[in-house]
Amino acid sequence: MTSSFPPDWVTVHAARTPDAPALDSLQHRLSYRALAERIRDLAGHLADRGVNARDRVVVALPTSPAAAVAALAVQSLGACAVEIDRAMGAAGFASVLRQTRPRFSVVAAQDTPHWLTAAEDAQLDWAWTLGAARAGTAMPARGTTVILADGSVAPEARGFTPPPRPALPDDAPALILFTSGSTGKPRGVVQTFRNLAANTSSIVQYLELGASDRAMLILPFHYCYGRSVLQTHLYAGGSCFLDPRFMYPRVVMEAIGSEGCTGFAGVPLTFEILRREVDPSAIPMPRLRYVTQAGGPMRPETIRWARQALAPARLFVMYGQTEATARLAYLPPERGEEKMGSIGIPIPGVELRVVDEAGSELPTGESGHLVARGDNVTPGYLEAPEETAAILHDGWLWTGDLARRDEDGYLFLVGRAKEILKIGGHRVSPVEMEVVLAEHAAVAEVAVVGAADAVQGEVAVAFVVLRAGAAATEADLRRFCRERLPAHKIPSQVEFLEAIPRNASGKPLKAELAARARVARPEGTER
């Protein structure tokens, strides 16, 4: 595959294997021929209503064939799809509108009230709605067109021939994904056509994906991990089955078998839920050959459980960022036990280094800033030059993570640069405490944050969710840490929660926890 444009990947496979499955859901089955037709139909109507190359088009749809068709149709014109999480609500939508200033949108009809609030006096040139809006809640646009869940447009909107895509450089924006980062403010990460092609081809290479592969996809498209699963399978000529039913995890596991899925992708919380509620080894999944995990570190015991429960499928532990399009490193399954806790080695086409504050590479075993270079690295944040300058230096992406490299070249994360705590003159990574607390038999989930302290400068506060039926006190957990960690690395306080607050991709909302910690432990409080 030579084209940098994802819609071209679909076109090539539609010509070679038109009847092969491409994108399926519980209600709809799209072959490559059908997917290509829907992309062409929608692109024709987008162009007829004024969408041009480099325009930004908001796409805010539930995970469905329509969502994939919409983004691909936008990109087929050389325009940029702005994918956002519908759970943002009116405030999030308003922030996106201010940053992107789109003239067009493809949205779910039931979200129209949010858009009415967010848009205020702004008028979109045109809106495409998934389903028809209720009476009195029309989109704030000069006109609207209805699209269906399978990506097809209303009959009166068909028959428009999309114009040839103008010649565009590979560094033209193809996709903008929003990430809250550590601040909670949505930031638009720009991904170019070169970024998408480079990261996609690399992932296809190390996962050895081909036309016979079929992914069970439970992750949303506005999340770079979910988007990469879709893109890699369309690149390889494989297929995806979209299943939104993970609130019933056994149903999804059974669908992996009945749908003939060869791959499954999840975040750490995905596998924790499976471990608590399902015995995958008792469910026939004869074609499952690989499982991927990203989106944050997973407990060693859960990794071992997943390897055993999902065998003979191979488990790939992976690491990446939205700013790197999706992926930066992976741990080869055959080194999984030997290199437990490692994020692995760079993916093909990516360089990873551990450097000091000045950017000089550090020796093996020393901890420092993890930086990355490759064609998958973003050109920056949308209209945020200062934030962009903070992460990009001389062609290198400063990931914000701290890491060390072992003698075999395998990388281990030791914390987030911004999350490093300064306790009594010591620099302490919350990850160290989280790893130890997670080993306690009663602990299901844990997140550690800092709170101001007049004596020590800062102290660690651990938020813990206990396993169902298990019991442990604050004293029990602090004693457990004391047996395994030096005194300055023992949490000063342990707070018990029913659940750790998380974002849409399953990552703990540490800014929210830090706010709770400040309330729970006023500055200057001693224990």
Protein backbone atom coordinates (compact mmCIF):
# COMPACT_ATOMS: atom_id res chain seq x y z
CA MET A 1 0.00 0.00 0.00
CA THR A 2 1.67 3.24 -1.13
CA SER A 3 -0.99 5.93 -0.68
CA SER A 4 -0.94 8.08 2.45
CA PHE A 5 -4.70 8.63 2.19
CA PRO A 6 -6.85 6.13 4.15
CA PRO A 7 -9.83 6.33 1.70
CA ASP A 8 -7.48 5.07 -1.03
CA TRP A 9 -6.82 1.93 0.99
CA VAL A 10 -10.53 1.14 0.87
CA THR A 11 -10.69 1.86 -2.87
CA VAL A 12 -7.80 -0.51 -3.61
CA HIS A 13 -9.38 -3.39 -1.67
CA ALA A 14 -12.81 -2.66 -3.18
CA ALA A 15 -11.25 -3.24 -6.61
CA ARG A 16 -9.31 -6.36 -5.59
CA THR A 17 -11.75 -8.08 -3.21
CA PRO A 18 -15.08 -6.23 -3.49
CA ASP A 19 -17.11 -8.81 -1.57
CA ALA A 20 -14.67 -9.21 1.33
CA PRO A 21 -16.00 -7.95 4.69
CA ALA A 22 -14.75 -4.53 5.70
CA LEU A 23 -16.85 -3.06 8.49
CA ASP A 24 -19.61 -4.83 10.38
CA SER A 25 -21.81 -4.08 13.35
CA LEU A 26 -24.75 -5.73 15.07
CA GLN A 27 -27.14 -4.20 12.52
CA HIS A 28 -25.05 -3.67 9.38
CA ARG A 29 -22.58 -5.57 7.21
CA LEU A 30 -20.42 -3.61 4.78
CA SER A 31 -18.20 -5.26 2.19
CA TYR A 32 -15.34 -3.27 0.70
CA ARG A 33 -17.55 -2.52 -2.30
CA ALA A 34 -20.36 -1.22 -0.06
CA LEU A 35 -17.95 0.79 2.10
CA ALA A 36 -16.36 2.41 -0.95
CA GLU A 37 -19.80 3.27 -2.37
CA ARG A 38 -20.92 4.92 0.85
CA ILE A 39 -17.70 6.92 1.11
CA ARG A 40 -18.14 8.09 -2.50
CA ASP A 41 -21.81 9.02 -2.02
CA LEU A 42 -21.20 11.03 1.15
CA ALA A 43 -18.07 12.67 -0.28
CA GLY A 44 -20.07 13.75 -3.33
CA HIS A 45 -22.69 15.43 -1.18
CA LEU A 46 -20.05 16.98 1.11
CA ALA A 47 -18.39 18.53 -1.93
CA ASP A 48 -21.70 19.68 -3.38
CA ARG A 49 -22.41 21.56 -0.15
CA GLY A 50 -19.02 23.27 -0.23
CA VAL A 51 -16.52 21.05 1.60
CA ASN A 52 -13.08 21.63 0.08
CA ALA A 53 -9.57 20.33 0.68
CA ARG A 54 -8.13 21.44 4.05
CA ASP A 55 -11.57 22.32 5.46
CA ARG A 56 -12.28 21.06 8.96
CA VAL A 57 -15.37 18.92 9.40
CA VAL A 58 -16.52 17.93 12.89
CA VAL A 59 -17.47 14.25 13.25
CA ALA A 60 -19.30 13.44 16.49
CA LEU A 61 -21.06 10.11 16.08
CA PRO A 62 -21.51 6.93 18.08
CA THR A 63 -19.10 4.17 17.10
CA SER A 64 -20.78 2.80 13.99
CA PRO A 65 -20.15 2.23 10.28
CA ALA A 66 -21.51 5.76 9.73
CA ALA A 67 -18.74 7.23 11.88
CA ALA A 68 -16.05 5.46 9.84
CA VAL A 69 -17.70 6.44 6.53
CA ALA A 70 -17.96 10.09 7.60
CA ALA A 71 -14.28 10.51 8.47
CA LEU A 72 -13.14 8.63 5.36
CA ALA A 73 -15.44 10.68 3.12
CA VAL A 74 -14.03 13.90 4.59
CA GLN A 75 -10.45 12.70 4.05
CA SER A 76 -11.21 11.55 0.51
CA LEU A 77 -11.69 15.24 -0.38
CA GLY A 78 -8.39 16.18 1.27
CA ALA A 79 -10.27 17.76 4.17
CA CYS A 80 -9.61 17.20 7.87
CA ALA A 81 -11.94 15.20 10.13
CA VAL A 82 -12.28 16.63 13.65
CA GLU A 83 -13.26 13.62 15.77
CA ILE A 84 -14.74 14.42 19.17
CA ASP A 85 -16.23 12.53 22.07
CA ARG A 86 -20.00 13.02 22.25
CA ALA A 87 -19.74 12.75 26.04
CA MET A 88 -18.03 16.16 26.07
CA GLY A 89 -21.49 17.75 26.11
CA ALA A 90 -22.24 21.37 25.32
CA ALA A 91 -19.21 22.84 27.12
CA GLY A 92 -16.80 20.51 25.32
CA PHE A 93 -18.50 21.10 21.99
CA ALA A 94 -18.20 24.87 22.50
CA SER A 95 -14.47 24.53 23.22
CA VAL A 96 -14.00 22.49 20.04
CA LEU A 97 -15.94 25.00 17.96
CA ARG A 98 -13.81 27.87 19.27
CA GLN A 99 -10.59 26.05 18.42
CA THR A 100 -11.54 24.55 15.05
CA ARG A 101 -14.04 27.09 13.63
CA PRO A 102 -15.64 24.43 11.38
CA ARG A 103 -18.15 25.23 8.65
CA PHE A 104 -19.50 21.68 8.51
CA SER A 105 -20.40 18.89 10.92
CA VAL A 106 -21.58 15.29 10.94
CA VAL A 107 -23.37 14.68 14.23
CA ALA A 108 -25.91 12.52 16.01
CA ALA A 109 -29.42 14.01 15.85
CA GLN A 110 -30.02 13.39 19.57
CA ASP A 111 -27.08 15.69 20.37
CA THR A 112 -28.70 18.68 18.67
CA PRO A 113 -29.60 20.41 21.99
CA HIS A 114 -25.90 20.39 22.95
CA TRP A 115 -24.96 21.91 19.61
CA LEU A 116 -27.63 24.59 19.95
CA THR A 117 -26.10 25.60 23.29
CA ALA A 118 -22.51 25.34 22.09
CA ALA A 119 -22.90 27.17 18.79
CA GLU A 120 -24.61 30.27 20.24
CA ASP A 121 -24.81 32.66 17.29
CA ALA A 122 -22.44 30.68 15.05
CA GLN A 123 -23.96 29.17 11.93
CA LEU A 124 -22.62 26.09 10.20
CA ASP A 125 -22.86 26.06 6.42
CA TRP A 126 -24.24 22.52 6.50
CA ALA A 127 -24.79 19.64 8.94
CA TRP A 128 -25.27 15.94 8.31
CA THR A 129 -27.23 14.26 11.10
CA LEU A 130 -27.39 10.61 12.02
CA GLY A 131 -31.16 10.29 12.05
CA ALA A 132 -33.64 13.15 12.02
CA ALA A 133 -33.65 15.79 14.77
CA ARG A 134 -36.77 16.20 16.87
CA ALA A 135 -39.15 18.98 15.92
CA GLY A 136 -37.95 22.32 17.25
CA THR A 137 -34.33 21.18 17.72
CA ALA A 138 -32.87 21.68 14.26
CA MET A 139 -29.10 21.98 14.00
CA PRO A 140 -27.72 25.53 13.93
CA ALA A 141 -26.89 25.27 10.22
CA ARG A 142 -28.18 26.67 6.94
CA GLY A 143 -29.26 23.18 5.96
CA THR A 144 -29.11 19.55 7.02
CA THR A 145 -28.96 16.12 5.40
CA VAL A 146 -29.86 12.87 7.10
CA ILE A 147 -27.46 9.95 7.06
CA LEU A 148 -28.16 6.41 8.25
CA ALA A 149 -26.23 4.20 10.68
CA ASP A 150 -24.67 2.23 7.81
CA GLY A 151 -23.19 5.44 6.39
CA SER A 152 -25.59 5.85 3.48
CA VAL A 153 -27.13 9.24 2.79
CA ALA A 154 -30.77 10.06 2.17
CA PRO A 155 -31.87 9.14 -1.40
CA GLU A 156 -32.13 12.77 -2.50
CA ALA A 157 -28.48 13.33 -1.49
CA ARG A 158 -27.09 10.51 -3.65
CA GLY A 159 -25.75 10.76 -7.16
CA PHE A 160 -23.28 13.59 -6.58
CA THR A 161 -19.86 12.77 -8.01
CA PRO A 162 -17.00 13.87 -5.76
CA PRO A 163 -14.35 15.96 -7.52
CA PRO A 164 -10.81 14.63 -7.91
CA ARG A 165 -8.82 15.24 -4.77
CA PRO A 166 -6.35 18.08 -5.36
CA ALA A 167 -2.65 17.37 -5.02
CA LEU A 168 -1.82 17.67 -1.35
CA PRO A 169 1.42 17.24 0.55
CA ASP A 170 1.58 14.35 2.97
CA ASP A 171 1.87 16.83 5.82
CA ALA A 172 -1.64 18.21 5.22
CA PRO A 173 -3.90 17.75 8.28
CA ALA A 174 -6.01 14.59 8.02
CA LEU A 175 -7.40 14.19 11.52
CA ILE A 176 -7.71 16.16 14.75
CA LEU A 177 -8.27 14.20 17.94
CA PHE A 178 -8.89 15.88 21.27
CA THR A 179 -7.10 14.91 24.42
CA SER A 180 -7.56 16.45 27.85
CA GLY A 181 -4.02 15.74 28.98
CA SER A 182 -3.28 16.68 32.58
CA THR A 183 -5.17 19.99 32.52
CA GLY A 184 -8.65 18.75 31.69
CA LYS A 185 -8.89 21.32 28.85
CA PRO A 186 -9.53 19.68 25.45
CA ARG A 187 -6.48 20.06 23.20
CA GLY A 188 -6.61 19.29 19.50
CA VAL A 189 -3.80 17.00 18.35
CA VAL A 190 -3.18 17.41 14.63
CA GLN A 191 -2.43 14.22 12.72
CA THR A 192 -1.29 14.50 9.11
CA PHE A 193 -1.80 12.05 6.28
CA ARG A 194 1.88 11.11 6.66
CA ASN A 195 1.36 10.48 10.39
CA LEU A 196 -1.58 8.14 9.72
CA ALA A 197 0.19 6.18 7.00
CA ALA A 198 3.44 5.81 8.93
CA ASN A 199 1.88 4.64 12.18
CA THR A 200 -0.63 2.39 10.46
CA SER A 201 1.94 0.59 8.30
CA SER A 202 4.22 0.12 11.30
CA ILE A 203 1.50 -1.45 13.44
CA VAL A 204 0.47 -3.71 10.56
CA GLN A 205 4.09 -4.83 10.30
CA TYR A 206 4.71 -5.87 13.91
CA LEU A 207 1.23 -7.37 14.41
CA GLU A 208 1.62 -9.17 11.06
CA LEU A 209 -1.89 -8.17 9.98
CA GLY A 210 -3.34 -9.43 6.71
CA ALA A 211 -6.57 -9.69 4.78
CA SER A 212 -7.76 -12.63 6.89
CA ASP A 213 -7.60 -10.63 10.11
CA ARG A 214 -10.77 -9.39 11.79
CA ALA A 215 -10.73 -7.20 14.91
CA MET A 216 -13.31 -7.09 17.67
CA LEU A 217 -13.47 -3.31 18.17
CA ILE A 218 -15.01 -1.98 21.38
CA LEU A 219 -12.98 1.26 21.52
CA PRO A 220 -14.34 4.58 20.19
CA PHE A 221 -13.00 6.23 17.04
CA HIS A 222 -12.34 9.54 18.81
CA TYR A 223 -9.68 7.67 20.84
CA CYS A 224 -6.42 7.19 18.92
CA TYR A 225 -6.23 3.51 19.96
CA GLY A 226 -9.67 2.73 18.56
CA ARG A 227 -8.94 4.75 15.44
CA SER A 228 -5.69 2.84 14.87
CA VAL A 229 -7.47 -0.54 15.09
CA LEU A 230 -9.85 0.60 12.35
CA GLN A 231 -7.10 2.04 10.15
CA THR A 232 -4.73 -0.93 10.43
CA HIS A 233 -7.39 -3.40 9.35
CA LEU A 234 -8.57 -1.29 6.43
CA TYR A 235 -4.93 -0.85 5.39
CA ALA A 236 -4.36 -4.63 5.48
CA GLY A 237 -7.62 -5.50 3.73
CA GLY A 238 -9.01 -7.08 6.90
CA SER A 239 -12.20 -6.20 8.74
CA CYS A 240 -13.57 -4.87 12.03
CA PHE A 241 -16.64 -5.89 13.99
CA LEU A 242 -17.96 -2.95 16.03
CA ASP A 243 -19.55 -4.03 19.29
CA PRO A 244 -20.75 -1.50 21.89
CA ARG A 245 -21.88 -4.11 24.43
CA PHE A 246 -18.85 -4.34 26.72
CA MET A 247 -21.07 -3.60 29.70
CA TYR A 248 -21.85 -7.30 29.12
CA PRO A 249 -18.28 -8.58 28.67
CA ARG A 250 -19.23 -12.23 28.23
CA VAL A 251 -21.47 -11.29 25.29
CA VAL A 252 -18.51 -9.58 23.60
CA MET A 253 -16.23 -12.55 24.25
CA GLU A 254 -18.82 -14.85 22.72
CA ALA A 255 -19.07 -12.55 19.70
CA ILE A 256 -15.31 -12.85 19.19
CA GLY A 257 -15.93 -16.52 18.58
CA SER A 258 -19.14 -16.28 16.55
CA GLU A 259 -17.78 -13.46 14.37
CA GLY A 260 -14.48 -15.22 13.73
CA CYS A 261 -12.40 -12.41 15.16
CA THR A 262 -8.63 -12.84 15.11
CA GLY A 263 -7.81 -9.80 17.26
CA PHE A 264 -9.04 -7.96 20.34
CA ALA A 265 -7.88 -4.60 21.71
CA GLY A 266 -8.40 -3.22 25.19
CA VAL A 267 -7.16 -0.81 27.84
CA PRO A 268 -6.11 -2.00 31.33
CA LEU A 269 -9.65 -1.56 32.69
CA THR A 270 -10.95 -3.81 29.90
CA PHE A 271 -8.87 -6.71 31.14
CA GLU A 272 -9.58 -6.01 34.81
CA ILE A 273 -13.30 -6.26 34.04
CA LEU A 274 -12.80 -9.48 32.10
CA ARG A 275 -10.77 -10.93 34.93
CA ARG A 276 -13.49 -10.19 37.48
CA GLU A 277 -16.50 -11.23 35.42
CA VAL A 278 -15.57 -13.72 32.68
CA ASP A 279 -13.57 -16.88 32.16
CA PRO A 280 -12.47 -16.45 28.53
CA SER A 281 -10.83 -19.89 28.54
CA ALA A 282 -14.34 -21.40 28.74
CA ILE A 283 -15.57 -19.53 25.63
CA PRO A 284 -14.73 -20.88 22.16
CA MET A 285 -12.68 -18.29 20.26
CA PRO A 286 -10.94 -20.53 17.73
CA ARG A 287 -9.58 -17.79 15.45
CA LEU A 288 -8.30 -15.38 18.10
CA ARG A 289 -4.55 -15.11 17.48
CA TYR A 290 -3.53 -11.79 19.05
CA VAL A 291 -4.63 -9.43 21.83
CA THR A 292 -3.34 -5.89 22.30
CA GLN A 293 -3.26 -3.72 25.42
CA ALA A 294 -2.45 0.00 25.59
CA GLY A 295 -3.79 3.10 27.31
CA GLY A 296 -1.69 2.87 30.48
CA PRO A 297 0.21 0.32 32.57
CA MET A 298 -1.51 -2.94 33.46
CA ARG A 299 -0.94 -4.87 36.68
CA PRO A 300 1.59 -7.74 36.26
CA GLU A 301 -0.87 -10.24 37.70
CA THR A 302 -3.51 -9.15 35.18
CA ILE A 303 -1.01 -9.47 32.34
CA ARG A 304 -0.21 -13.01 33.43
CA TRP A 305 -3.93 -13.78 33.75
CA ALA A 306 -4.66 -12.43 30.27
CA ARG A 307 -1.84 -14.47 28.73
CA GLN A 308 -3.20 -17.66 30.26
CA ALA A 309 -6.93 -16.98 29.89
CA LEU A 310 -6.70 -15.87 26.26
CA ALA A 311 -4.08 -18.41 25.12
CA PRO A 312 -3.07 -19.39 22.53
CA ALA A 313 -3.62 -15.78 21.42
CA ARG A 314 -0.44 -13.71 21.82
CA LEU A 315 -0.64 -10.67 24.11
CA PHE A 316 1.06 -7.48 22.86
CA VAL A 317 1.60 -4.91 25.61
CA MET A 318 1.95 -1.55 23.84
CA TYR A 319 2.72 2.10 24.56
CA GLY A 320 1.81 5.26 22.71
CA GLN A 321 0.25 8.69 22.72
CA THR A 322 -2.25 10.67 20.67
CA GLU A 323 0.68 12.99 19.88
CA ALA A 324 2.39 10.00 18.23
CA THR A 325 -0.75 9.17 16.19
CA ALA A 326 -1.19 6.04 18.29
CA ARG A 327 1.83 3.86 18.91
CA LEU A 328 5.48 4.24 19.91
CA ALA A 329 6.57 0.92 21.44
CA TYR A 330 5.51 -2.70 21.88
CA LEU A 331 6.65 -5.64 23.96
CA PRO A 332 7.16 -8.77 21.82
CA PRO A 333 4.98 -11.50 23.40
CA GLU A 334 7.84 -13.98 23.58
CA ARG A 335 9.73 -11.59 25.91
CA GLY A 336 6.66 -10.78 28.00
CA GLU A 337 7.51 -12.67 31.17
CA GLU A 338 11.23 -11.96 31.03
CA LYS A 339 10.62 -8.22 30.56
CA MET A 340 7.56 -7.88 32.78
CA GLY A 341 6.75 -4.19 33.35
CA SER A 342 8.49 -3.06 30.18
CA ILE A 343 6.81 -1.09 27.37
CA GLY A 344 9.16 -2.93 25.04
CA ILE A 345 11.07 -1.66 22.03
CA PRO A 346 10.36 1.05 19.44
CA ILE A 347 7.92 0.16 16.69
CA PRO A 348 9.36 0.09 13.15
CA GLY A 349 10.22 3.58 11.94
CA VAL A 350 10.40 5.15 15.40
CA GLU A 351 13.41 6.17 17.50
CA LEU A 352 13.12 6.31 21.29
CA ARG A 353 15.73 7.79 23.59
CA VAL A 354 16.12 8.43 27.32
CA VAL A 355 17.63 11.87 27.81
CA ASP A 356 18.45 14.40 30.51
CA GLU A 357 16.95 17.90 30.83
CA ALA A 358 19.29 19.20 28.10
CA GLY A 359 18.34 16.45 25.67
CA SER A 360 21.58 14.46 25.97
CA GLU A 361 21.14 10.69 25.85
CA LEU A 362 21.62 8.94 29.18
CA PRO A 363 23.50 5.68 29.80
CA THR A 364 21.77 2.33 30.19
CA GLY A 365 19.94 2.04 33.50
CA GLU A 366 19.64 5.77 34.21
CA SER A 367 16.19 7.34 34.37
CA GLY A 368 15.32 10.39 32.30
CA HIS A 369 12.87 11.89 29.82
CA LEU A 370 11.52 9.58 27.13
CA VAL A 371 11.65 11.28 23.71
CA ALA A 372 10.51 9.99 20.32
CA ARG A 373 11.18 10.73 16.66
CA GLY A 374 9.43 9.39 13.56
CA ASP A 375 6.98 10.15 10.77
CA ASN A 376 4.13 9.38 13.17
CA VAL A 377 4.87 12.37 15.44
CA THR A 378 2.32 15.20 15.35
CA PRO A 379 3.26 18.63 14.01
CA GLY A 380 1.63 20.00 17.15
CA TYR A 381 -1.51 21.10 18.92
CA LEU A 382 -4.16 23.06 17.06
CA GLU A 383 -3.61 26.80 17.47
CA ALA A 384 -1.49 26.29 20.58
CA PRO A 385 2.09 27.29 19.67
CA GLU A 386 3.30 27.51 23.26
CA GLU A 387 1.99 24.06 24.17
CA THR A 388 3.41 22.70 20.91
CA ALA A 389 6.82 24.20 21.67
CA ALA A 390 6.72 22.51 25.08
CA ILE A 391 6.55 19.02 23.58
CA LEU A 392 8.51 19.33 20.30
CA HIS A 393 12.24 20.10 20.33
CA ASP A 394 14.52 19.69 17.29
CA GLY A 395 12.26 17.06 15.75
CA TRP A 396 11.83 15.08 18.97
CA LEU A 397 8.56 14.56 20.84
CA TRP A 398 8.99 14.89 24.60
CA THR A 399 6.40 12.39 25.76
CA GLY A 400 6.18 13.67 29.33
CA ASP A 401 7.09 10.19 30.58
CA LEU A 402 10.20 9.25 32.51
CA ALA A 403 11.86 5.98 31.59
CA ARG A 404 15.00 3.88 31.74
CA ARG A 405 16.49 1.48 29.21
CA ASP A 406 17.94 -1.90 30.22
CA GLU A 407 21.01 -3.61 28.79
CA ASP A 408 18.90 -5.31 26.09
CA GLY A 409 17.37 -2.04 24.89
CA TYR A 410 13.97 -2.58 26.52
CA LEU A 411 12.27 0.47 27.99
CA PHE A 412 10.61 0.76 31.41
CA LEU A 413 8.46 3.71 32.46
CA VAL A 414 9.19 5.12 35.90
CA GLY A 415 6.61 7.93 36.02
CA ARG A 416 5.22 11.09 34.47
CA ALA A 417 7.50 14.12 34.54
CA LYS A 418 4.64 16.37 35.67
CA GLU A 419 3.48 13.87 38.27
CA ILE A 420 6.81 13.39 40.02
CA LEU A 421 6.35 14.25 43.69
CA LYS A 422 8.93 16.11 45.77
CA ILE A 423 8.63 14.62 49.25
CA GLY A 424 11.05 15.83 51.88
CA GLY A 425 13.71 16.57 49.26
CA HIS A 426 13.23 13.25 47.46
CA ARG A 427 11.87 12.94 43.90
CA VAL A 428 9.27 10.16 44.01
CA SER A 429 7.25 8.61 41.19
CA PRO A 430 3.60 7.79 42.04
CA VAL A 431 3.96 4.76 39.77
CA GLU A 432 6.31 3.10 42.25
CA MET A 433 3.68 3.29 44.97
CA GLU A 434 0.87 2.25 42.63
CA VAL A 435 2.78 -0.87 41.58
CA VAL A 436 3.35 -1.93 45.19
CA LEU A 437 -0.22 -1.22 46.36
CA ALA A 438 -1.61 -3.12 43.36
CA GLU A 439 0.18 -6.21 44.64
CA HIS A 440 -1.97 -6.26 47.80
CA ALA A 441 -4.55 -9.02 47.57
CA ALA A 442 -7.42 -6.73 48.59
CA VAL A 443 -6.67 -3.94 46.07
CA ALA A 444 -8.56 -3.85 42.78
CA GLU A 445 -7.56 -0.36 41.57
CA VAL A 446 -5.19 2.33 42.80
CA ALA A 447 -4.07 5.81 41.80
CA VAL A 448 -1.58 7.97 43.70
CA VAL A 449 -1.42 11.79 43.54
CA GLY A 450 0.32 14.55 45.43
CA ALA A 451 -1.04 17.00 48.00
CA ALA A 452 0.67 20.08 49.40
CA ASP A 453 2.28 19.79 52.83
CA ALA A 454 3.87 22.63 54.82
CA VAL A 455 6.48 20.35 56.37
CA GLN A 456 7.53 18.01 53.54
CA GLY A 457 6.53 20.22 50.62
CA GLU A 458 4.38 17.46 49.21
CA VAL A 459 2.96 14.12 50.31
CA ALA A 460 1.47 11.16 48.50
CA VAL A 461 -2.24 10.36 48.77
CA ALA A 462 -3.38 6.95 47.51
CA PHE A 463 -6.91 6.41 46.24
CA VAL A 464 -7.86 2.75 46.44
CA VAL A 465 -10.74 0.58 45.26
CA LEU A 466 -10.99 -2.72 47.12
CA ARG A 467 -11.88 -6.01 45.50
CA ALA A 468 -15.45 -7.21 46.02
CA GLY A 469 -15.67 -8.97 49.38
CA ALA A 470 -12.12 -7.99 50.36
CA ALA A 471 -11.22 -5.92 53.40
CA ALA A 472 -8.24 -3.71 54.21
CA THR A 473 -7.73 -0.61 56.32
CA GLU A 474 -5.53 2.41 55.73
CA ALA A 475 -3.15 1.05 58.34
CA ASP A 476 -3.02 -2.32 56.57
CA LEU A 477 -2.04 -0.75 53.26
CA ARG A 478 0.51 1.65 54.71
CA ARG A 479 2.06 -1.27 56.62
CA PHE A 480 2.16 -3.27 53.37
CA CYS A 481 4.04 -0.39 51.70
CA ARG A 482 6.40 0.02 54.66
CA GLU A 483 7.59 -3.57 54.19
CA ARG A 484 8.46 -2.91 50.54
CA LEU A 485 9.35 0.78 50.17
CA PRO A 486 11.57 3.35 51.90
CA ALA A 487 9.85 5.71 54.33
CA HIS A 488 9.59 8.67 51.93
CA LYS A 489 7.69 6.49 49.41
CA ILE A 490 4.92 5.41 51.76
CA PRO A 491 1.59 7.17 51.10
CA SER A 492 0.80 9.66 53.82
CA GLN A 493 -2.90 8.99 53.42
CA VAL A 494 -5.13 6.33 51.87
CA GLU A 495 -8.62 7.20 50.68
CA PHE A 496 -11.10 4.47 49.69
CA LEU A 497 -13.38 4.94 46.68
CA GLU A 498 -16.05 2.84 45.00
CA ALA A 499 -14.43 3.56 41.64
CA ILE A 500 -11.46 5.51 40.29
CA PRO A 501 -12.75 8.33 38.05
CA ARG A 502 -11.58 7.74 34.49
CA ASN A 503 -11.81 9.38 31.09
CA ALA A 504 -13.34 7.79 27.99
CA SER A 505 -10.15 5.84 27.27
CA GLY A 506 -10.01 4.40 30.79
CA LYS A 507 -7.17 6.52 32.17
CA PRO A 508 -7.48 7.78 35.76
CA LEU A 509 -8.49 11.44 36.04
CA LYS A 510 -5.63 12.41 38.30
CA ALA A 511 -6.44 16.12 38.20
CA GLU A 512 -9.81 15.30 39.76
CA LEU A 513 -8.17 13.05 42.33
CA ALA A 514 -5.61 15.74 43.17
CA ALA A 515 -8.46 18.16 43.85
CA ARG A 516 -10.03 15.60 46.19
CA ALA A 517 -6.67 15.10 47.88
CA ARG A 518 -6.36 18.81 48.63
CA VAL A 519 -9.77 18.73 50.28
CA ALA A 520 -9.06 15.50 52.17
CA ARG A 521 -5.70 16.76 53.39
CA PRO A 522 -5.57 20.54 53.86
CA GLU A 523 -2.11 22.03 53.38
CA GLY A 524 0.03 21.69 56.45
CA THR A 525 -1.89 18.79 57.96
CA GLU A 526 0.39 16.28 59.67
CA ARG A 527 -0.29 12.64 60.38
